[in-house]
C-alpha atoms as a PDB file:
ATOM      1  CA  UNK A   1     -49.471 -29.419 -52.510  1.00  0.00           C
ATOM      2  CA  UNK A   2     -49.371 -32.702 -54.288  1.00  0.00           C
ATOM      3  CA  UNK A   3     -45.820 -33.900 -53.820  1.00  0.00           C
ATOM      4  CA  UNK A   4     -43.845 -35.086 -50.823  1.00  0.00           C
ATOM      5  CA  UNK A   5     -41.517 -32.116 -50.937  1.00  0.00           C
ATOM      6  CA  UNK A   6     -44.449 -29.715 -50.563  1.00  0.00           C
ATOM      7  CA  UNK A   7     -45.740 -31.597 -47.529  1.00  0.00           C
ATOM      8  CA  UNK A   8     -42.946 -30.222 -45.349  1.00  0.00           C
ATOM      9  CA  UNK A   9     -43.747 -26.643 -46.350  1.00  0.00           C
ATOM     10  CA  UNK A  10     -47.433 -27.250 -45.673  1.00  0.00           C
ATOM     11  CA  UNK A  11     -46.730 -28.582 -42.174  1.00  0.00           C
ATOM     12  CA  UNK A  12     -44.406 -25.722 -41.292  1.00  0.00           C
ATOM     13  CA  UNK A  13     -46.871 -23.194 -42.649  1.00  0.00           C
ATOM     14  CA  UNK A  14     -49.766 -24.808 -40.743  1.00  0.00           C
ATOM     15  CA  UNK A  15     -47.757 -24.618 -37.509  1.00  0.00           C
ATOM     16  CA  UNK A  16     -47.262 -20.894 -38.025  1.00  0.00           C
ATOM     17  CA  UNK A  17     -43.602 -20.723 -39.029  1.00  0.00           C
ATOM     18  CA  UNK A  18     -42.558 -17.944 -41.440  1.00  0.00           C
ATOM     19  CA  UNK A  19     -42.438 -18.777 -45.145  1.00  0.00           C
ATOM     20  CA  UNK A  20     -38.642 -18.579 -45.152  1.00  0.00           C
ATOM     21  CA  UNK A  21     -38.265 -21.425 -42.629  1.00  0.00           C
ATOM     22  CA  UNK A  22     -41.535 -23.334 -43.034  1.00  0.00           C
ATOM     23  CA  UNK A  23     -40.154 -25.995 -45.387  1.00  0.00           C
ATOM     24  CA  UNK A  24     -37.021 -26.564 -43.291  1.00  0.00           C
ATOM     25  CA  UNK A  25     -38.897 -26.792 -39.996  1.00  0.00           C
ATOM     26  CA  UNK A  26     -41.682 -28.956 -41.401  1.00  0.00           C
ATOM     27  CA  UNK A  27     -39.118 -31.268 -42.983  1.00  0.00           C
ATOM     28  CA  UNK A  28     -37.247 -31.658 -39.727  1.00  0.00           C
ATOM     29  CA  UNK A  29     -40.457 -32.458 -37.841  1.00  0.00           C
ATOM     30  CA  UNK A  30     -41.503 -35.043 -40.424  1.00  0.00           C
ATOM     31  CA  UNK A  31     -37.990 -36.523 -40.508  1.00  0.00           C
ATOM     32  CA  UNK A  32     -37.882 -36.839 -36.738  1.00  0.00           C
ATOM     33  CA  UNK A  33     -41.277 -38.545 -36.668  1.00  0.00           C
ATOM     34  CA  UNK A  34     -40.301 -41.078 -39.332  1.00  0.00           C
ATOM     35  CA  UNK A  35     -36.904 -41.765 -37.761  1.00  0.00           C
ATOM     36  CA  UNK A  36     -38.439 -42.332 -34.337  1.00  0.00           C
ATOM     37  CA  UNK A  37     -40.891 -44.839 -35.807  1.00  0.00           C
ATOM     38  CA  UNK A  38     -38.153 -46.682 -37.719  1.00  0.00           C
ATOM     39  CA  UNK A  39     -35.736 -46.813 -34.782  1.00  0.00           C
ATOM     40  CA  UNK A  40     -38.395 -48.008 -32.355  1.00  0.00           C
ATOM     41  CA  UNK A  41     -39.581 -50.706 -34.753  1.00  0.00           C
ATOM     42  CA  UNK A  42     -36.043 -51.894 -35.498  1.00  0.00           C
ATOM     43  CA  UNK A  43     -35.063 -51.862 -31.826  1.00  0.00           C
ATOM     44  CA  UNK A  44     -38.029 -53.983 -30.844  1.00  0.00           C
ATOM     45  CA  UNK A  45     -37.448 -56.449 -33.690  1.00  0.00           C
ATOM     46  CA  UNK A  46     -33.681 -56.733 -33.314  1.00  0.00           C
ATOM     47  CA  UNK A  47     -33.785 -56.812 -29.522  1.00  0.00           C
ATOM     48  CA  UNK A  48     -35.606 -60.132 -29.573  1.00  0.00           C
ATOM     49  CA  UNK A  49     -33.843 -61.880 -32.423  1.00  0.00           C
ATOM     50  CA  UNK A  50     -30.149 -60.972 -32.148  1.00  0.00           C
ATOM     51  CA  UNK A  51     -27.516 -60.129 -29.607  1.00  0.00           C
ATOM     52  CA  UNK A  52     -26.787 -56.516 -28.678  1.00  0.00           C
ATOM     53  CA  UNK A  53     -24.002 -55.664 -31.134  1.00  0.00           C
ATOM     54  CA  UNK A  54     -25.666 -57.159 -34.197  1.00  0.00           C
ATOM     55  CA  UNK A  55     -28.965 -55.501 -33.303  1.00  0.00           C
ATOM     56  CA  UNK A  56     -27.245 -52.151 -32.851  1.00  0.00           C
ATOM     57  CA  UNK A  57     -25.433 -52.367 -36.186  1.00  0.00           C
ATOM     58  CA  UNK A  58     -28.590 -53.478 -38.013  1.00  0.00           C
ATOM     59  CA  UNK A  59     -30.612 -50.663 -36.445  1.00  0.00           C
ATOM     60  CA  UNK A  60     -27.917 -48.131 -37.346  1.00  0.00           C
ATOM     61  CA  UNK A  61     -27.825 -49.401 -40.941  1.00  0.00           C
ATOM     62  CA  UNK A  62     -31.571 -49.121 -41.361  1.00  0.00           C
ATOM     63  CA  UNK A  63     -31.553 -45.689 -39.720  1.00  0.00           C
ATOM     64  CA  UNK A  64     -28.842 -44.371 -42.057  1.00  0.00           C
ATOM     65  CA  UNK A  65     -30.717 -45.794 -45.045  1.00  0.00           C
ATOM     66  CA  UNK A  66     -33.903 -44.089 -43.875  1.00  0.00           C
ATOM     67  CA  UNK A  67     -32.017 -40.836 -43.416  1.00  0.00           C
ATOM     68  CA  UNK A  68     -30.727 -41.139 -46.968  1.00  0.00           C
ATOM     69  CA  UNK A  69     -34.280 -41.580 -48.221  1.00  0.00           C
ATOM     70  CA  UNK A  70     -35.381 -38.522 -46.240  1.00  0.00           C
ATOM     71  CA  UNK A  71     -32.497 -36.546 -47.754  1.00  0.00           C
ATOM     72  CA  UNK A  72     -33.523 -37.574 -51.263  1.00  0.00           C
ATOM     73  CA  UNK A  73     -37.110 -36.485 -50.568  1.00  0.00           C
ATOM     74  CA  UNK A  74     -35.754 -33.155 -49.349  1.00  0.00           C
ATOM     75  CA  UNK A  75     -36.846 -33.249 -45.731  1.00  0.00           C
ATOM     76  CA  UNK A  76     -33.489 -33.775 -44.019  1.00  0.00           C
ATOM     77  CA  UNK A  77     -30.360 -31.634 -44.470  1.00  0.00           C
ATOM     78  CA  UNK A  78     -27.279 -33.359 -45.861  1.00  0.00           C
ATOM     79  CA  UNK A  79     -25.194 -32.399 -42.807  1.00  0.00           C
ATOM     80  CA  UNK A  80     -27.254 -34.657 -40.513  1.00  0.00           C
ATOM     81  CA  UNK A  81     -26.778 -37.581 -42.891  1.00  0.00           C
ATOM     82  CA  UNK A  82     -22.996 -37.106 -42.946  1.00  0.00           C
ATOM     83  CA  UNK A  83     -22.764 -36.736 -39.149  1.00  0.00           C
ATOM     84  CA  UNK A  84     -24.794 -39.904 -38.596  1.00  0.00           C
ATOM     85  CA  UNK A  85     -22.629 -41.871 -41.049  1.00  0.00           C
ATOM     86  CA  UNK A  86     -19.533 -40.723 -39.144  1.00  0.00           C
ATOM     87  CA  UNK A  87     -21.083 -41.796 -35.817  1.00  0.00           C
ATOM     88  CA  UNK A  88     -22.037 -45.211 -37.215  1.00  0.00           C
ATOM     89  CA  UNK A  89     -18.514 -45.616 -38.577  1.00  0.00           C
ATOM     90  CA  UNK A  90     -17.031 -44.833 -35.178  1.00  0.00           C
ATOM     91  CA  UNK A  91     -19.397 -47.317 -33.484  1.00  0.00           C
ATOM     92  CA  UNK A  92     -18.516 -50.102 -35.912  1.00  0.00           C
ATOM     93  CA  UNK A  93     -14.788 -49.329 -35.668  1.00  0.00           C
ATOM     94  CA  UNK A  94     -15.002 -49.514 -31.877  1.00  0.00           C
ATOM     95  CA  UNK A  95     -16.694 -52.913 -32.033  1.00  0.00           C
ATOM     96  CA  UNK A  96     -14.124 -54.194 -34.527  1.00  0.00           C
ATOM     97  CA  UNK A  97     -11.268 -52.894 -32.342  1.00  0.00           C
ATOM     98  CA  UNK A  98     -12.743 -54.581 -29.266  1.00  0.00           C
ATOM     99  CA  UNK A  99     -13.126 -57.817 -31.198  1.00  0.00           C
ATOM    100  CA  UNK A 100      -9.496 -57.792 -32.333  1.00  0.00           C
ATOM    101  CA  UNK A 101      -8.018 -57.159 -28.901  1.00  0.00           C
END
């Protein structure tokens, strides 16, 4: 249990999940905890220094980057990364459309 990828299995196993789903469940719990910390930190920092749209786009960019890092570690499934990139793209496209009209 020395590497980061084994940490998710250890957490899932310690919480009593079966061996077949321990790594997946532990990875999702760890990913959610890290993402909550990153989003809360970015929201508090960007809420004071920028207007709403710029703060939202900066927070979304940092969140997607963090999700990519969690995918590389092996804690987050690739599907969640793709879905979040699509949502961020839709948000940015909506802001661009509103700015052009």
